[in-house]
Protein backbone atom coordinates (compact mmCIF):
# COMPACT_ATOMS: atom_id res chain seq x y z
CA MET A 1 -5.22 13.90 65.78
CA THR A 2 -8.42 16.28 65.01
CA ARG A 3 -10.78 15.50 62.96
CA GLY A 4 -9.59 18.29 60.46
CA ALA A 5 -6.50 16.54 60.41
CA THR A 6 -7.90 13.45 58.95
CA HIS A 7 -9.07 15.61 56.03
CA GLY A 8 -12.86 14.47 56.10
CA TYR A 9 -11.62 11.38 55.55
CA PRO A 10 -14.21 8.62 57.49
CA ILE A 11 -11.25 6.24 58.40
CA VAL A 12 -7.77 6.66 57.85
CA ILE A 13 -5.32 3.63 58.34
CA SER A 14 -1.75 4.27 59.37
CA ASP A 15 0.71 1.17 59.99
CA LEU A 16 -1.69 -0.12 62.10
CA SER A 17 -1.09 -3.24 63.83
CA VAL A 18 -3.37 -5.34 65.94
CA GLU A 19 -2.84 -8.05 68.59
CA TYR A 20 -4.93 -10.87 70.52
CA PRO A 21 -2.23 -11.26 73.62
CA ALA A 22 -2.04 -14.74 75.20
CA HIS A 23 -4.82 -15.88 76.60
CA GLY A 24 -5.23 -19.59 78.12
CA ALA A 25 -3.14 -21.98 75.97
CA SER A 26 -3.07 -19.63 72.97
CA ALA A 27 -0.16 -17.69 72.50
CA ALA A 28 -0.20 -13.80 71.56
CA HIS A 29 -1.51 -13.50 68.05
CA VAL A 30 -0.94 -10.49 65.29
CA ALA A 31 -3.96 -10.37 63.38
CA VAL A 32 -3.30 -6.98 61.60
CA HIS A 33 0.47 -5.97 60.92
CA GLY A 34 1.28 -2.88 59.31
CA VAL A 35 -1.55 -1.66 57.53
CA SER A 36 -2.14 1.63 56.14
CA LEU A 37 -4.88 2.90 53.87
CA ARG A 38 -8.08 5.42 53.82
CA VAL A 39 -11.44 5.05 53.31
CA ALA A 40 -12.56 8.52 50.98
CA PRO A 41 -16.15 10.49 52.09
CA GLY A 42 -19.17 8.04 50.28
CA GLU A 43 -16.51 5.59 48.87
CA VAL A 44 -17.25 1.90 49.52
CA LEU A 45 -14.23 -0.09 50.34
CA GLY A 46 -14.06 -3.94 49.34
CA LEU A 47 -12.24 -6.01 51.68
CA LEU A 48 -10.73 -9.54 50.15
CA GLY A 49 -8.98 -12.32 52.44
CA SER A 50 -8.92 -15.89 53.53
CA ALA A 51 -9.60 -17.53 56.87
CA GLY A 52 -7.01 -15.87 59.19
CA SER A 53 -5.86 -12.44 57.02
CA GLY A 54 -7.01 -10.34 59.56
CA LYS A 55 -10.02 -8.95 57.15
CA THR A 56 -13.05 -9.25 59.96
CA THR A 57 -10.23 -8.25 62.78
CA LEU A 58 -9.60 -5.06 61.31
CA ALA A 59 -13.33 -4.92 60.66
CA ARG A 60 -14.16 -5.31 64.46
CA VAL A 61 -11.64 -2.94 65.71
CA LEU A 62 -12.77 -0.13 63.35
CA SER A 63 -16.64 -0.55 64.02
CA GLY A 64 -15.37 -0.31 67.93
CA VAL A 65 -16.60 -3.54 68.37
CA GLY A 66 -13.95 -5.61 69.08
CA LEU A 67 -12.26 -2.82 71.54
CA GLU A 68 -15.42 -2.45 74.04
CA PRO A 69 -13.13 -2.55 77.71
CA GLY A 70 -14.91 -5.22 79.79
CA GLY A 71 -17.74 -6.79 77.37
CA PRO A 72 -18.20 -10.24 76.98
CA GLY A 73 -14.73 -12.06 75.90
CA SER A 74 -12.89 -8.94 76.80
CA ASP A 75 -9.85 -11.21 77.89
CA VAL A 76 -9.41 -12.03 74.19
CA ARG A 77 -10.00 -8.31 72.54
CA PRO A 78 -7.83 -7.38 69.80
CA VAL A 79 -5.27 -5.00 71.13
CA ILE A 80 -3.83 -1.92 69.03
CA THR A 81 -0.31 -2.36 69.38
CA GLY A 82 1.52 -0.44 66.99
CA GLY A 83 -0.11 2.51 64.18
CA GLU A 84 -3.40 4.25 64.48
CA ALA A 85 -6.99 3.82 63.07
CA ILE A 86 -9.14 7.35 63.20
CA VAL A 87 -12.85 6.81 62.02
CA LEU A 88 -14.98 9.41 61.26
CA GLY A 89 -12.06 12.02 63.07
CA THR A 90 -11.54 9.91 66.81
CA PRO A 91 -8.57 8.01 66.98
CA LEU A 92 -9.24 4.20 68.23
CA ARG A 93 -5.99 3.67 69.75
CA GLY A 94 -6.50 4.05 73.53
CA ILE A 95 -10.14 5.24 73.26
CA THR A 96 -12.28 5.78 76.51
CA ARG A 97 -15.20 3.87 76.97
CA ARG A 98 -17.63 7.45 77.12
CA ARG A 99 -15.57 8.34 73.23
CA LEU A 100 -16.32 4.55 71.92
CA ASN A 101 -19.90 4.90 72.78
CA GLU A 102 -20.40 8.10 71.40
CA LEU A 103 -18.13 6.60 67.99
CA ARG A 104 -20.48 3.45 67.67
CA PHE A 105 -23.98 5.54 67.49
CA HIS A 106 -22.35 6.85 64.17
CA VAL A 107 -21.03 3.27 62.85
CA GLY A 108 -23.09 0.47 61.27
CA TYR A 109 -21.73 -2.66 62.24
CA LEU A 110 -22.82 -6.38 60.48
CA ALA A 111 -21.06 -8.54 62.00
CA GLN A 112 -20.49 -11.80 59.44
CA ASP A 113 -22.68 -14.12 61.85
CA ALA A 114 -25.92 -11.13 62.33
CA ALA A 115 -28.38 -12.80 60.93
CA GLU A 116 -27.85 -16.27 62.84
CA HIS A 117 -27.72 -14.42 66.43
CA LEU A 118 -30.96 -11.97 66.55
CA PRO A 119 -32.38 -12.37 69.59
CA PRO A 120 -34.64 -14.87 69.85
CA ASP A 121 -37.85 -13.85 72.07
CA ARG A 122 -37.98 -10.49 70.59
CA THR A 123 -39.83 -9.06 67.68
CA VAL A 124 -38.65 -7.79 64.37
CA SER A 125 -39.58 -4.43 65.17
CA GLU A 126 -38.21 -5.11 68.37
CA ILE A 127 -34.74 -5.78 67.13
CA ILE A 128 -34.51 -3.33 64.47
CA GLY A 129 -35.39 -0.30 67.22
CA GLU A 130 -33.19 -1.62 70.00
CA PRO A 131 -30.44 1.21 68.68
CA ILE A 132 -32.93 3.84 69.08
CA LEU A 133 -34.04 2.89 72.65
CA GLU A 134 -30.38 2.03 73.75
CA ARG A 135 -29.55 5.60 72.79
CA ASP A 136 -32.36 7.13 73.95
CA HIS A 137 -35.12 4.61 76.07
CA ARG A 138 -37.36 7.91 76.15
CA TYR A 139 -37.37 8.09 72.64
CA ASN A 140 -41.13 8.62 71.03
CA ARG A 141 -42.79 5.75 70.35
CA LYS A 142 -45.17 6.60 67.90
CA ALA A 143 -41.67 8.09 66.20
CA LEU A 144 -39.86 4.33 67.15
CA ALA A 145 -42.63 2.39 65.01
CA THR A 146 -42.17 4.94 62.06
CA ARG A 147 -38.73 5.28 61.67
CA VAL A 148 -38.95 0.83 62.17
CA ALA A 149 -40.91 0.13 59.41
CA THR A 150 -39.29 3.11 56.79
CA MET A 151 -36.93 0.77 57.48
CA VAL A 152 -37.54 -2.60 57.16
CA ASP A 153 -39.26 -1.28 54.07
CA ALA A 154 -35.79 0.37 52.35
CA VAL A 155 -34.65 -3.53 53.26
CA ARG A 156 -37.23 -5.11 50.69
CA LEU A 157 -39.00 -6.55 53.93
CA PRO A 158 -43.09 -6.93 53.77
CA LEU A 159 -44.43 -4.56 56.61
CA GLY A 160 -46.15 -7.75 58.00
CA LEU A 161 -42.87 -9.64 59.15
CA LEU A 162 -42.95 -6.50 61.71
CA GLU A 163 -44.40 -8.92 64.66
CA LYS A 164 -42.39 -12.30 63.76
CA TYR A 165 -39.64 -13.25 65.15
CA PRO A 166 -35.95 -14.99 64.21
CA TYR A 167 -37.44 -18.82 63.88
CA GLU A 168 -40.56 -17.51 61.68
CA LEU A 169 -38.14 -15.83 58.99
CA SER A 170 -35.83 -17.02 56.29
CA GLY A 171 -32.34 -16.35 56.22
CA GLY A 172 -32.44 -14.24 53.63
CA GLN A 173 -35.39 -12.07 55.48
CA ARG A 174 -32.71 -12.61 58.96
CA GLN A 175 -29.99 -11.11 57.18
CA ARG A 176 -31.98 -7.52 55.99
CA VAL A 177 -33.01 -7.50 59.90
CA ALA A 178 -29.88 -7.45 60.80
CA LEU A 179 -28.98 -4.93 58.18
CA ALA A 180 -32.00 -2.93 59.12
CA GLN A 181 -30.61 -2.73 62.33
CA ALA A 182 -27.26 -1.78 61.64
CA LEU A 183 -28.69 1.06 59.28
CA VAL A 184 -31.71 2.43 61.80
CA LEU A 185 -29.38 5.62 62.96
CA GLY A 186 -28.76 6.88 59.63
CA PRO A 187 -24.83 6.35 60.54
CA ASN A 188 -21.91 8.16 58.46
CA LEU A 189 -19.74 4.97 58.45
CA LEU A 190 -21.11 1.29 57.43
CA ILE A 191 -19.03 -1.59 58.26
CA ALA A 192 -20.58 -5.11 56.73
CA ASP A 193 -18.80 -8.48 57.28
CA GLN A 194 -19.97 -10.59 54.86
CA PRO A 195 -23.35 -9.05 53.75
CA THR A 196 -24.40 -11.74 51.34
CA ALA A 197 -22.87 -15.04 52.94
CA GLY A 198 -25.15 -18.16 52.72
CA ILE A 199 -28.53 -16.31 51.12
CA ASP A 200 -29.61 -16.85 47.79
CA LEU A 201 -28.60 -15.11 44.59
CA THR A 202 -31.72 -13.16 44.86
CA VAL A 203 -31.98 -11.84 47.62
CA ARG A 204 -27.52 -11.15 47.42
CA ASP A 205 -28.55 -9.22 44.32
CA ALA A 206 -31.22 -7.17 46.49
CA VAL A 207 -28.77 -6.47 49.06
CA ALA A 208 -26.08 -5.29 46.94
CA GLN A 209 -28.87 -2.66 45.10
CA LEU A 210 -29.72 -1.66 48.79
CA ILE A 211 -25.92 -0.67 49.52
CA SER A 212 -25.63 0.99 46.56
CA GLU A 213 -28.97 3.05 47.17
CA LEU A 214 -28.32 3.89 50.23
CA ARG A 215 -24.57 4.25 49.84
CA ASP A 216 -25.54 7.06 47.14
CA GLY A 217 -28.76 8.35 49.22
CA HIS A 218 -27.32 8.73 52.33
CA THR A 219 -23.65 9.93 51.68
CA PHE A 220 -22.53 7.46 53.75
CA SER A 221 -19.29 5.52 53.60
CA ALA A 222 -18.72 1.64 53.74
CA VAL A 223 -16.30 -1.18 54.11
CA ILE A 224 -18.03 -4.91 52.88
CA ILE A 225 -15.78 -7.84 53.68
CA THR A 226 -17.03 -10.22 51.11
CA HIS A 227 -15.79 -13.23 48.76
CA ASP A 228 -18.88 -12.89 46.34
CA LEU A 229 -16.87 -10.68 43.52
CA PRO A 230 -20.43 -9.96 41.50
CA VAL A 231 -21.42 -8.05 44.95
CA LEU A 232 -18.01 -6.25 44.45
CA ARG A 233 -17.98 -5.24 41.20
CA ARG A 234 -21.79 -3.50 41.76
CA VAL A 235 -21.05 -1.70 44.99
CA ALA A 236 -16.93 -0.69 45.55
CA ASP A 237 -15.36 1.69 44.30
CA ARG A 238 -11.74 0.01 45.36
CA VAL A 239 -10.96 -3.50 47.18
CA ALA A 240 -7.95 -3.94 49.39
CA VAL A 241 -6.35 -7.58 49.53
CA LEU A 242 -5.23 -8.91 52.96
CA ASP A 243 -3.13 -12.00 53.41
CA ARG A 244 -1.64 -12.91 56.62
CA GLY A 245 -2.53 -9.10 58.36
CA GLU A 246 -0.99 -7.24 55.17
CA VAL A 247 -2.35 -5.23 52.67
CA VAL A 248 -0.93 -7.23 49.54
CA ALA A 249 -2.87 -5.36 46.66
CA LEU A 250 -5.26 -1.89 46.69
CA GLY A 251 -7.13 -0.47 43.93
CA THR A 252 -10.01 -0.78 41.40
CA ILE A 253 -10.96 -4.73 40.98
CA ASP A 254 -9.84 -4.24 37.35
CA GLU A 255 -6.31 -2.98 38.96
CA VAL A 256 -6.21 -5.29 41.26
CA PHE A 257 -7.03 -8.33 39.06
CA ASP A 258 -5.39 -7.36 35.42
CA ASP A 259 -1.55 -7.99 36.31
CA PRO A 260 -1.60 -9.78 39.90
CA SER A 261 1.50 -10.29 41.84
CA HIS A 262 0.95 -11.75 44.93
CA PRO A 263 0.16 -15.19 44.94
CA TYR A 264 -3.05 -14.76 46.61
CA VAL A 265 -3.87 -11.94 44.22
CA GLN A 266 -3.07 -14.44 41.70
CA ALA A 267 -5.35 -17.45 42.75
CA LEU A 268 -7.89 -14.49 43.01
CA ALA A 269 -7.76 -13.44 39.68
CA GLY A 270 -7.98 -17.44 38.83
CA ALA A 271 -11.27 -17.79 40.16
CA LEU A 272 -12.20 -15.03 38.52
CA ASP A 273 -11.19 -15.66 35.28
CA ALA A 274 -12.76 -19.39 35.76
CA GLY A 275 -16.44 -17.67 36.45
CA HIS A 276 -16.28 -18.54 40.38
CA ALA A 277 -18.77 -15.67 42.27
CA VAL A 278 -17.73 -16.55 45.22
CA ILE A 279 -14.43 -17.34 46.37
CA ASP A 280 -14.38 -18.04 50.02
CA ASP A 281 -12.42 -21.34 49.99
CA LEU A 282 -9.53 -19.98 48.12
CA GLN A 283 -6.59 -19.85 50.28
CA PRO A 284 -3.01 -18.47 50.86
CA GLU A 285 -0.55 -20.21 49.14
CA PRO A 286 1.99 -21.57 52.62
CA PRO A 287 5.34 -19.09 53.46
CA ALA A 288 8.26 -20.74 51.97
């Protein structure tokens, strides 16, 4: 499908199924089953779902990270087995390494555990600038320093941290470094998995504000996985709820939670009514 066929939508997912092939003693596992949805230009879509619902697999596929052939853990990478996902006009099913590398320059990806896996032997400046040098190792060093400093300021970190190492930073600071790295190339699309997990309320609010400002200022779209309901209310135009690899609700937060029919969505709505801000511990009802 061509870029024009997607009508400008950054993400078009049609009846998508994703499977982890059998490996070792583990049987094959279908993580995403028959998912269809679109993300409009400039839209922020929030993804909700319990552990094992398929939301992280979907994020890794859409970012291209999970489809990297021959990379670490490639024997258990997710495989698109049905339907299609088109990201920024590029079909992902059967994508070549070259096209995948091109696409990933335009998609910022913040992994769930990114803050805990920053390279310990590199400074904040080196970590944030790494994607630029991966794209062009001859990039002008003065321009690089300016771009990195601008990004550090954008994520509300003091410039004095540029020469610090990850172990010298707080958890919230590391999370913002990871976010800066994901955004330094000025991507058209941001995919963030739990961007506010494990950081205090003040920093969570700052991250939510930053995502809103970047969306407004740079006209990119985003998919945000989080169970932080205040963050979703602040940044998400719509939310999709996943359960066992399927979309069981899609709409604005009010549309999804005001009249829930699916048991897991009912549980989420109950948590919202009870005043819970973070709902990571909710699990779907076991199948009958």
